[in-house]
Amino acid sequence: MASSGSLVAANAAQLLTFALLARWLGPSQFGLYVQVTAITTVAVHLCGLGANDCLIRRVARDRAMYPTMLGHTLTLVAITGAALVAIGMGALPFIITVDEDPVRNVVAIAFLLVTNIVLVRVILLTEQAYISHSMFAEANRSVIFFALARTATAALACPIFGVTTLEGWTAWQFGGHVVVAAYFAWKTRELGRPKFGIVRDEVKPGVFFSSQFIFRAIRQNCDLFILGLVSSIEVVGSYGVARRILDSSYLTIDALNRLVYPRFAVASQHGVHNALPMLWKVLAGAVVLGLGTGLGLFIMAPLLPYLFGHEYVSLVPFVRTMCWLIVFVAIWSVAMDLLGASSHQGARALIVNTASILGAGLVAFGTWWWPPTGTFISLYVTEIGVTIATWAMLMHMARKSEAAAKAKEQAKDEAEGMAAKPA
């Protein structure tokens, strides 16, 4: 309940931040911000090559590994972050115009890339470090603090200092994230100092882990690009706000999963089948959370124009159409987390990456063929397909794990029997 409460509170703060930006930047500048964010959302999952997963998984099993795994994570974040920012700086100024002045445009894009990729990844490590130590109260506080800090930054920049352009917002966003990152670095020093280096046997699982979120992010953002080509600016803006609300609502499911992930790692250490009794309880809780969140979004939808602005006329029907997607996400995310916690990152990556590639094509085609109705249909088809595939894979792995355990036990009994026989 505390975990859910903290993420719901953070979700509310994020929505308020989003509402402030949508209202003060206006549909044109805000639409541009949504497009840039869609790009950096893909890149942030590549930053660090999934090292945040091994930080939680390895430290949950052995606290003494924290300095090594933290150093491993920070090293990969630094290397990949620098590469991603460099690639972005070489491409985005020729694609996206944040400001007509070339110098100001480059600076603004640099702020966006460093903030949304490197600083966000570093800041999120605080929550993951606390979770790996089962310090959930501190993890909850870090989530709320980060969300409130972003809201405070937007409140200062827009209503008080009158920022109405994306170029002006980039500097404020960068400054706010630097302050939060510095505070969290000071706060987490009590957990231990990092031992910088790369743990080679964790690179491949990390790549598998991050690839899942990269392909999923591509699938989740391709609709925004296609809509921008075939629909009006109002539809793109309303859909962007609705998607942001839906993505934020997933935090209620993450609130549960972040608590059980380290426990799944421990329970499945000697076979994924050992975690099944816990899995059914978690699944029941996830379904309840998903249904409750979907119903809450459906009920509150008519109030959203008062928060984001009445110029987003399609916002209410879009939210009410997509709000039930969270139920399917809740069902498959539980099984997906157990696959990851039990070190079956290859199987997990196979499902997510295949579904994301096929789903991206389906969503892109549906959006181009029949916008936005085709978009909604393809989203539901994709999430239902992911649900079926994930649970089928998990049950297959559980049967294999249980059979291997029984065979090992039988071999042990036979060996003991042979040893007990007289010569």
Protein backbone atom coordinates (compact mmCIF):
# COMPACT_ATOMS: atom_id res chain seq x y z
CA MET A 1 0.00 0.00 0.00
CA ALA A 2 2.85 2.37 0.82
CA SER A 3 4.55 1.57 -2.48
CA SER A 4 1.32 2.10 -4.40
CA GLY A 5 0.58 5.30 -2.51
CA SER A 6 4.00 6.76 -3.24
CA LEU A 7 3.82 6.01 -6.95
CA VAL A 8 0.23 7.21 -7.22
CA ALA A 9 1.26 10.46 -5.51
CA ALA A 10 4.21 10.72 -7.89
CA ASN A 11 1.85 9.98 -10.77
CA ALA A 12 -0.43 12.83 -9.74
CA ALA A 13 2.55 15.18 -9.56
CA GLN A 14 3.72 14.09 -13.01
CA LEU A 15 0.28 14.67 -14.47
CA LEU A 16 0.23 18.15 -12.96
CA THR A 17 3.64 18.81 -14.50
CA PHE A 18 2.35 17.58 -17.84
CA ALA A 19 -0.75 19.76 -17.52
CA LEU A 20 1.33 22.86 -16.78
CA LEU A 21 3.50 22.27 -19.83
CA ALA A 22 0.51 21.47 -22.08
CA ARG A 23 -1.30 24.64 -21.04
CA TRP A 24 1.63 27.09 -21.10
CA LEU A 25 3.53 25.76 -24.12
CA GLY A 26 0.41 25.40 -26.26
CA PRO A 27 -0.45 22.68 -28.79
CA SER A 28 2.36 23.51 -31.24
CA GLN A 29 5.28 23.72 -28.80
CA PHE A 30 3.85 20.96 -26.65
CA GLY A 31 3.46 18.68 -29.67
CA LEU A 32 7.13 19.26 -30.48
CA TYR A 33 8.04 18.40 -26.89
CA VAL A 34 6.05 15.14 -27.16
CA GLN A 35 7.93 14.20 -30.34
CA VAL A 36 11.35 14.83 -28.76
CA THR A 37 10.33 12.95 -25.63
CA ALA A 38 9.28 9.98 -27.75
CA ILE A 39 12.82 9.79 -29.13
CA THR A 40 14.57 10.15 -25.78
CA THR A 41 12.22 7.60 -24.20
CA VAL A 42 13.71 4.98 -26.51
CA ALA A 43 17.27 6.15 -25.83
CA VAL A 44 16.98 6.19 -22.03
CA HIS A 45 16.38 2.44 -22.01
CA LEU A 46 19.56 1.92 -24.00
CA CYS A 47 21.55 4.08 -21.58
CA GLY A 48 23.33 1.75 -19.16
CA LEU A 49 22.52 -1.40 -21.17
CA GLY A 50 20.08 -2.68 -18.56
CA ALA A 51 22.59 -2.63 -15.70
CA ASN A 52 19.88 -1.43 -13.32
CA ASP A 53 18.37 -4.95 -13.46
CA CYS A 54 21.52 -6.69 -12.26
CA LEU A 55 21.94 -4.02 -9.57
CA ILE A 56 18.65 -5.08 -8.00
CA ARG A 57 18.98 -8.79 -8.73
CA ARG A 58 22.56 -9.33 -7.53
CA VAL A 59 22.40 -7.03 -4.51
CA ALA A 60 19.07 -8.53 -3.36
CA ARG A 61 20.89 -11.87 -3.09
CA ASP A 62 24.16 -10.52 -1.67
CA ARG A 63 24.42 -7.03 -0.18
CA ALA A 64 28.22 -7.15 -0.39
CA MET A 65 27.91 -6.89 -4.18
CA TYR A 66 26.48 -3.36 -4.01
CA PRO A 67 29.72 -1.34 -4.56
CA THR A 68 30.70 -3.55 -7.51
CA MET A 69 27.26 -3.51 -9.15
CA LEU A 70 26.79 0.23 -8.58
CA GLY A 71 30.17 0.91 -10.18
CA HIS A 72 29.27 -1.42 -13.07
CA THR A 73 25.99 0.44 -13.60
CA LEU A 74 27.50 3.93 -13.43
CA THR A 75 30.33 2.97 -15.79
CA LEU A 76 27.92 1.70 -18.42
CA VAL A 77 25.65 4.73 -17.96
CA ALA A 78 28.59 7.06 -18.54
CA ILE A 79 29.83 5.23 -21.65
CA THR A 80 26.46 4.66 -23.33
CA GLY A 81 25.10 8.04 -22.23
CA ALA A 82 27.99 9.89 -23.86
CA ALA A 83 27.54 7.89 -27.07
CA LEU A 84 23.78 8.46 -27.21
CA VAL A 85 24.09 12.20 -26.64
CA ALA A 86 26.77 12.42 -29.33
CA ILE A 87 24.59 10.54 -31.82
CA GLY A 88 21.60 12.71 -30.96
CA MET A 89 23.58 15.92 -31.37
CA GLY A 90 24.72 14.75 -34.78
CA ALA A 91 21.21 14.01 -36.03
CA LEU A 92 18.44 15.90 -34.21
CA PRO A 93 19.44 19.51 -35.07
CA PHE A 94 18.82 18.63 -38.74
CA ILE A 95 15.46 16.99 -38.01
CA ILE A 96 13.87 19.03 -35.20
CA THR A 97 13.79 22.80 -34.85
CA VAL A 98 13.34 23.89 -31.25
CA ASP A 99 14.47 27.47 -31.99
CA GLU A 100 15.04 29.29 -35.27
CA ASP A 101 18.48 30.48 -34.13
CA PRO A 102 20.95 27.63 -34.99
CA VAL A 103 23.08 28.07 -31.86
CA ARG A 104 20.12 28.24 -29.49
CA ASN A 105 18.59 25.25 -31.28
CA VAL A 106 21.73 23.14 -30.72
CA VAL A 107 21.97 24.17 -27.06
CA ALA A 108 18.31 23.40 -26.44
CA ILE A 109 18.61 19.96 -28.03
CA ALA A 110 21.74 19.27 -25.98
CA PHE A 111 19.84 20.14 -22.79
CA LEU A 112 17.00 17.82 -23.80
CA LEU A 113 19.29 14.90 -24.60
CA VAL A 114 21.45 15.13 -21.47
CA THR A 115 18.43 15.64 -19.23
CA ASN A 116 16.06 13.03 -20.64
CA ILE A 117 18.68 10.34 -21.20
CA VAL A 118 21.65 10.61 -18.82
CA LEU A 119 20.27 12.55 -15.86
CA VAL A 120 17.00 10.61 -15.79
CA ARG A 121 18.87 7.29 -15.81
CA VAL A 122 21.19 8.44 -13.00
CA ILE A 123 18.30 9.73 -10.90
CA LEU A 124 16.34 6.49 -11.28
CA LEU A 125 19.31 4.55 -9.88
CA THR A 126 18.47 5.96 -6.44
CA GLU A 127 15.15 4.15 -6.27
CA GLN A 128 16.72 0.95 -7.59
CA ALA A 129 19.59 1.11 -5.10
CA TYR A 130 17.15 1.38 -2.20
CA ILE A 131 14.96 -1.42 -3.58
CA SER A 132 17.97 -3.72 -3.86
CA HIS A 133 18.50 -3.21 -0.09
CA SER A 134 14.75 -3.69 0.60
CA MET A 135 14.65 -0.09 1.86
CA PHE A 136 11.22 0.51 0.36
CA ALA A 137 10.37 3.56 2.45
CA GLU A 138 13.45 5.38 1.15
CA ALA A 139 12.67 4.20 -2.40
CA ASN A 140 9.14 5.57 -2.08
CA ARG A 141 10.41 8.91 -0.80
CA SER A 142 12.87 9.19 -3.68
CA VAL A 143 10.08 8.64 -6.22
CA ILE A 144 7.86 11.29 -4.64
CA PHE A 145 10.73 13.75 -4.29
CA PHE A 146 11.70 13.43 -7.95
CA ALA A 147 8.10 13.91 -9.10
CA LEU A 148 7.53 16.92 -6.84
CA ALA A 149 10.82 18.44 -7.94
CA ARG A 150 9.73 18.26 -11.58
CA THR A 151 6.37 19.78 -10.73
CA ALA A 152 8.03 22.58 -8.78
CA THR A 153 10.36 23.27 -11.70
CA ALA A 154 7.44 23.48 -14.14
CA ALA A 155 5.46 25.69 -11.73
CA LEU A 156 8.38 28.10 -11.39
CA ALA A 157 9.19 28.14 -15.09
CA CYS A 158 5.71 28.48 -16.58
CA PRO A 159 3.22 30.35 -14.34
CA ILE A 160 5.77 32.38 -12.37
CA PHE A 161 8.55 33.17 -14.87
CA GLY A 162 6.31 32.96 -17.95
CA VAL A 163 8.12 30.34 -19.99
CA THR A 164 5.99 29.60 -23.08
CA THR A 165 8.50 28.02 -25.48
CA LEU A 166 10.18 24.63 -25.55
CA GLU A 167 13.57 26.31 -25.89
CA GLY A 168 13.01 28.15 -22.62
CA TRP A 169 11.76 25.04 -20.84
CA THR A 170 14.84 22.96 -21.75
CA ALA A 171 17.14 25.07 -19.56
CA TRP A 172 14.76 24.91 -16.59
CA GLN A 173 14.34 21.16 -16.97
CA PHE A 174 18.10 20.62 -17.14
CA GLY A 175 18.75 22.72 -14.04
CA GLY A 176 16.04 20.97 -12.02
CA HIS A 177 17.39 17.52 -12.88
CA VAL A 178 20.96 18.51 -11.99
CA VAL A 179 19.81 19.59 -8.53
CA VAL A 180 17.88 16.35 -7.96
CA ALA A 181 20.78 14.19 -9.18
CA ALA A 182 23.24 15.97 -6.88
CA TYR A 183 20.92 15.59 -3.88
CA PHE A 184 20.38 11.87 -4.52
CA ALA A 185 24.11 11.27 -4.95
CA TRP A 186 24.68 12.83 -1.52
CA LYS A 187 21.75 10.92 -0.02
CA THR A 188 22.79 7.44 -1.18
CA ARG A 189 26.42 7.74 -0.13
CA GLU A 190 25.48 5.85 3.06
CA LEU A 191 24.88 2.68 1.05
CA GLY A 192 28.47 2.47 -0.13
CA ARG A 193 30.89 3.94 -2.64
CA PRO A 194 30.94 2.51 -6.17
CA LYS A 195 33.81 0.37 -7.42
CA PHE A 196 33.99 1.45 -11.03
CA GLY A 197 34.44 -1.22 -13.67
CA ILE A 198 32.43 -3.62 -15.80
CA VAL A 199 31.18 -7.00 -14.60
CA ARG A 200 31.46 -8.85 -17.89
CA ASP A 201 29.09 -11.72 -17.12
CA GLU A 202 26.29 -9.19 -16.52
CA VAL A 203 26.67 -7.33 -19.81
CA LYS A 204 24.82 -9.90 -21.93
CA PRO A 205 21.84 -10.26 -19.53
CA GLY A 206 21.76 -6.47 -19.30
CA VAL A 207 21.59 -6.13 -23.08
CA PHE A 208 18.74 -8.64 -23.16
CA PHE A 209 16.98 -6.69 -20.40
CA SER A 210 17.38 -3.26 -22.00
CA SER A 211 16.48 -4.49 -25.49
CA GLN A 212 13.01 -5.40 -24.22
CA PHE A 213 12.31 -1.83 -23.14
CA ILE A 214 13.90 -0.35 -26.26
CA PHE A 215 11.67 -2.30 -28.63
CA ARG A 216 8.68 -1.73 -26.39
CA ALA A 217 9.39 2.02 -26.37
CA ILE A 218 9.59 1.97 -30.16
CA ARG A 219 6.22 0.22 -30.30
CA GLN A 220 4.71 2.66 -27.83
CA ASN A 221 5.88 5.75 -29.69
CA CYS A 222 5.55 4.84 -33.38
CA ASP A 223 1.85 5.79 -33.27
CA LEU A 224 2.77 9.38 -32.36
CA PHE A 225 4.99 9.69 -35.43
CA ILE A 226 2.40 8.23 -37.82
CA LEU A 227 -0.43 10.32 -36.36
CA GLY A 228 1.69 13.40 -36.92
CA LEU A 229 1.73 12.57 -40.62
CA VAL A 230 -1.92 11.69 -41.17
CA SER A 231 -3.96 13.56 -38.50
CA SER A 232 -4.63 17.09 -37.36
CA ILE A 233 -2.55 18.84 -34.71
CA GLU A 234 -5.47 18.62 -32.27
CA VAL A 235 -5.68 14.83 -32.62
CA VAL A 236 -1.92 14.49 -32.18
CA GLY A 237 -1.96 16.73 -29.10
CA SER A 238 -4.97 15.01 -27.52
CA TYR A 239 -3.56 11.57 -28.25
CA GLY A 240 -0.18 12.58 -26.84
CA VAL A 241 -1.80 13.74 -23.59
CA ALA A 242 -3.95 10.59 -23.41
CA ARG A 243 -0.93 8.36 -23.97
CA ARG A 244 1.00 10.19 -21.29
CA ILE A 245 -1.86 9.71 -18.84
CA LEU A 246 -2.05 6.02 -19.70
CA ASP A 247 1.71 5.53 -19.39
CA SER A 248 1.66 7.26 -16.01
CA SER A 249 -1.16 5.01 -14.83
CA TYR A 250 1.13 1.99 -15.21
CA LEU A 251 2.87 3.20 -12.06
CA THR A 252 0.17 1.52 -9.99
CA ILE A 253 1.30 -1.83 -11.41
CA ASP A 254 4.97 -0.90 -11.07
CA ALA A 255 4.30 -0.15 -7.41
CA LEU A 256 3.49 -3.80 -6.84
CA ASN A 257 6.11 -5.26 -9.16
CA ARG A 258 8.99 -3.25 -7.68
CA LEU A 259 8.23 -4.79 -4.28
CA VAL A 260 8.05 -8.40 -5.42
CA TYR A 261 10.89 -8.38 -7.98
CA PRO A 262 13.69 -8.92 -5.41
CA ARG A 263 11.50 -11.52 -3.68
CA PHE A 264 10.94 -13.29 -6.99
CA ALA A 265 14.73 -13.29 -7.44
CA VAL A 266 15.24 -15.05 -4.11
CA ALA A 267 12.30 -17.46 -4.47
CA SER A 268 13.33 -18.56 -7.98
CA GLN A 269 17.03 -18.93 -7.22
CA HIS A 270 16.77 -22.75 -7.31
CA GLY A 271 14.12 -22.95 -10.02
CA VAL A 272 11.36 -20.74 -11.35
CA HIS A 273 8.70 -23.25 -10.29
CA ASN A 274 9.47 -22.47 -6.64
CA ALA A 275 8.07 -18.96 -7.10
CA LEU A 276 4.69 -20.04 -8.49
CA PRO A 277 2.83 -19.97 -5.13
CA MET A 278 3.89 -16.34 -4.70
CA LEU A 279 3.10 -15.61 -8.35
CA TRP A 280 -0.62 -16.39 -8.04
CA LYS A 281 -1.01 -14.00 -5.09
CA VAL A 282 0.83 -11.24 -6.93
CA LEU A 283 -1.28 -11.82 -10.05
CA ALA A 284 -4.51 -11.38 -8.07
CA GLY A 285 -3.24 -8.10 -6.65
CA ALA A 286 -2.11 -6.89 -10.07
CA VAL A 287 -5.50 -7.61 -11.65
CA VAL A 288 -7.29 -5.71 -8.88
CA LEU A 289 -4.92 -2.75 -9.31
CA GLY A 290 -5.36 -2.81 -13.10
CA LEU A 291 -9.14 -2.86 -12.94
CA GLY A 292 -9.21 -0.15 -10.29
CA THR A 293 -6.87 2.10 -12.24
CA GLY A 294 -8.78 1.61 -15.50
CA LEU A 295 -12.07 2.41 -13.78
CA GLY A 296 -10.54 5.47 -12.14
CA LEU A 297 -9.33 6.79 -15.49
CA PHE A 298 -12.72 6.16 -17.09
CA ILE A 299 -14.51 8.11 -14.33
CA MET A 300 -12.08 11.04 -14.18
CA ALA A 301 -11.78 11.47 -17.98
CA PRO A 302 -14.45 14.24 -18.26
CA LEU A 303 -12.46 16.37 -15.82
CA LEU A 304 -9.24 16.30 -17.83
CA PRO A 305 -10.05 19.25 -20.17
CA TYR A 306 -10.27 21.50 -17.10
CA LEU A 307 -6.72 20.50 -16.25
CA PHE A 308 -5.04 20.35 -19.65
CA GLY A 309 -7.14 22.85 -21.59
CA HIS A 310 -10.39 22.68 -23.55
CA GLU A 311 -8.57 22.93 -26.88
CA TYR A 312 -7.80 19.19 -26.49
CA VAL A 313 -11.33 18.25 -27.59
CA SER A 314 -10.60 14.54 -28.31
CA LEU A 315 -8.92 13.90 -24.96
CA VAL A 316 -11.92 12.43 -23.09
CA PRO A 317 -12.92 9.75 -25.67
CA PHE A 318 -9.27 8.83 -26.24
CA VAL A 319 -8.65 8.22 -22.53
CA ARG A 320 -11.87 6.26 -22.08
CA THR A 321 -11.02 4.07 -25.07
CA MET A 322 -7.48 3.23 -23.95
CA CYS A 323 -7.91 3.04 -20.16
CA TRP A 324 -8.56 -0.74 -20.12
CA LEU A 325 -5.21 -1.53 -21.71
CA ILE A 326 -3.71 -1.37 -18.23
CA VAL A 327 -5.53 -4.58 -17.22
CA PHE A 328 -3.66 -6.61 -19.84
CA VAL A 329 -0.38 -4.89 -18.95
CA ALA A 330 -0.96 -5.85 -15.30
CA ILE A 331 -1.48 -9.51 -16.21
CA TRP A 332 1.57 -9.93 -18.43
CA SER A 333 3.93 -7.74 -16.38
CA VAL A 334 3.74 -10.11 -13.39
CA ALA A 335 4.80 -13.10 -15.48
CA MET A 336 7.43 -10.99 -17.23
CA ASP A 337 8.96 -9.91 -13.93
CA LEU A 338 9.25 -13.51 -12.73
CA LEU A 339 11.02 -14.48 -15.96
CA GLY A 340 13.47 -11.63 -15.43
CA ALA A 341 14.01 -12.24 -11.72
CA SER A 342 14.71 -15.93 -12.39
CA SER A 343 17.47 -14.94 -14.86
CA HIS A 344 15.51 -16.03 -17.95
CA GLN A 345 16.32 -12.75 -19.69
CA GLY A 346 16.76 -14.47 -23.04
CA ALA A 347 13.22 -15.89 -23.01
CA ARG A 348 11.86 -12.59 -21.74
CA ALA A 349 13.70 -10.66 -24.45
CA LEU A 350 12.41 -13.05 -27.12
CA ILE A 351 8.81 -12.33 -26.17
CA VAL A 352 9.12 -8.60 -25.68
CA ASN A 353 11.27 -7.92 -28.71
CA THR A 354 9.20 -10.09 -31.06
CA ALA A 355 5.94 -8.61 -29.78
CA SER A 356 7.35 -5.09 -30.00
CA ILE A 357 8.56 -5.50 -33.57
CA LEU A 358 5.30 -7.07 -34.73
CA GLY A 359 3.27 -4.67 -32.59
CA ALA A 360 5.08 -1.63 -33.96
CA GLY A 361 4.27 -2.72 -37.49
CA LEU A 362 0.65 -3.42 -36.57
CA VAL A 363 0.22 -0.10 -34.74
CA ALA A 364 1.89 1.83 -37.55
CA PHE A 365 -0.33 0.16 -40.17
CA GLY A 366 -3.51 0.59 -38.10
CA THR A 367 -2.69 4.25 -37.46
CA TRP A 368 -2.00 4.94 -41.14
CA TRP A 369 -4.99 2.93 -42.40
CA TRP A 370 -7.73 4.11 -40.02
CA PRO A 371 -6.59 6.86 -37.62
CA PRO A 372 -7.18 6.89 -34.73
CA THR A 373 -9.60 3.92 -34.51
CA GLY A 374 -7.08 1.61 -36.14
CA THR A 375 -4.54 2.73 -33.56
CA PHE A 376 -6.78 1.68 -30.67
CA ILE A 377 -7.61 -1.70 -32.21
CA SER A 378 -3.96 -2.51 -32.88
CA LEU A 379 -2.96 -1.51 -29.35
CA TYR A 380 -5.45 -3.94 -27.80
CA VAL A 381 -4.50 -6.76 -30.19
CA THR A 382 -0.82 -6.25 -29.32
CA GLU A 383 -1.29 -6.23 -25.54
CA ILE A 384 -3.50 -9.33 -25.62
CA GLY A 385 -0.90 -11.12 -27.76
CA VAL A 386 1.88 -10.21 -25.32
CA THR A 387 -0.22 -11.52 -22.43
CA ILE A 388 -0.77 -14.91 -24.07
CA ALA A 389 2.87 -15.30 -25.16
CA THR A 390 4.33 -14.30 -21.79
CA TRP A 391 2.24 -16.70 -19.74
CA ALA A 392 2.81 -19.53 -22.19
CA MET A 393 6.58 -19.03 -21.92
CA LEU A 394 6.50 -18.79 -18.12
CA MET A 395 4.49 -22.01 -17.74
CA HIS A 396 6.88 -23.75 -20.14
CA MET A 397 9.89 -22.62 -18.09
CA ALA A 398 8.18 -23.66 -14.85
CA ARG A 399 7.50 -27.17 -16.17
CA LYS A 400 11.11 -27.52 -17.31
CA SER A 401 12.38 -26.25 -13.97
CA GLU A 402 10.18 -28.60 -11.97
CA ALA A 403 11.13 -31.60 -14.14
CA ALA A 404 14.83 -30.81 -13.74
CA ALA A 405 14.43 -30.52 -9.98
CA LYS A 406 12.62 -33.87 -9.76
CA ALA A 407 15.25 -35.57 -11.92
CA LYS A 408 18.00 -34.18 -9.72
CA GLU A 409 16.22 -35.35 -6.58
CA GLN A 410 15.64 -38.81 -8.05
CA ALA A 411 19.30 -39.12 -9.03
CA LYS A 412 20.30 -38.09 -5.51
CA ASP A 413 18.00 -40.72 -3.97
CA GLU A 414 19.37 -43.43 -6.26
CA ALA A 415 22.93 -42.47 -5.38
CA GLU A 416 22.14 -42.63 -1.66
CA GLY A 417 20.45 -45.99 -2.16
CA MET A 418 23.46 -47.41 -3.95
CA ALA A 419 25.74 -46.15 -1.18
CA ALA A 420 23.57 -47.80 1.48
CA LYS A 421 23.79 -51.28 -0.11
CA PRO A 422 26.37 -53.70 1.40
CA ALA A 423 29.40 -54.46 -0.72
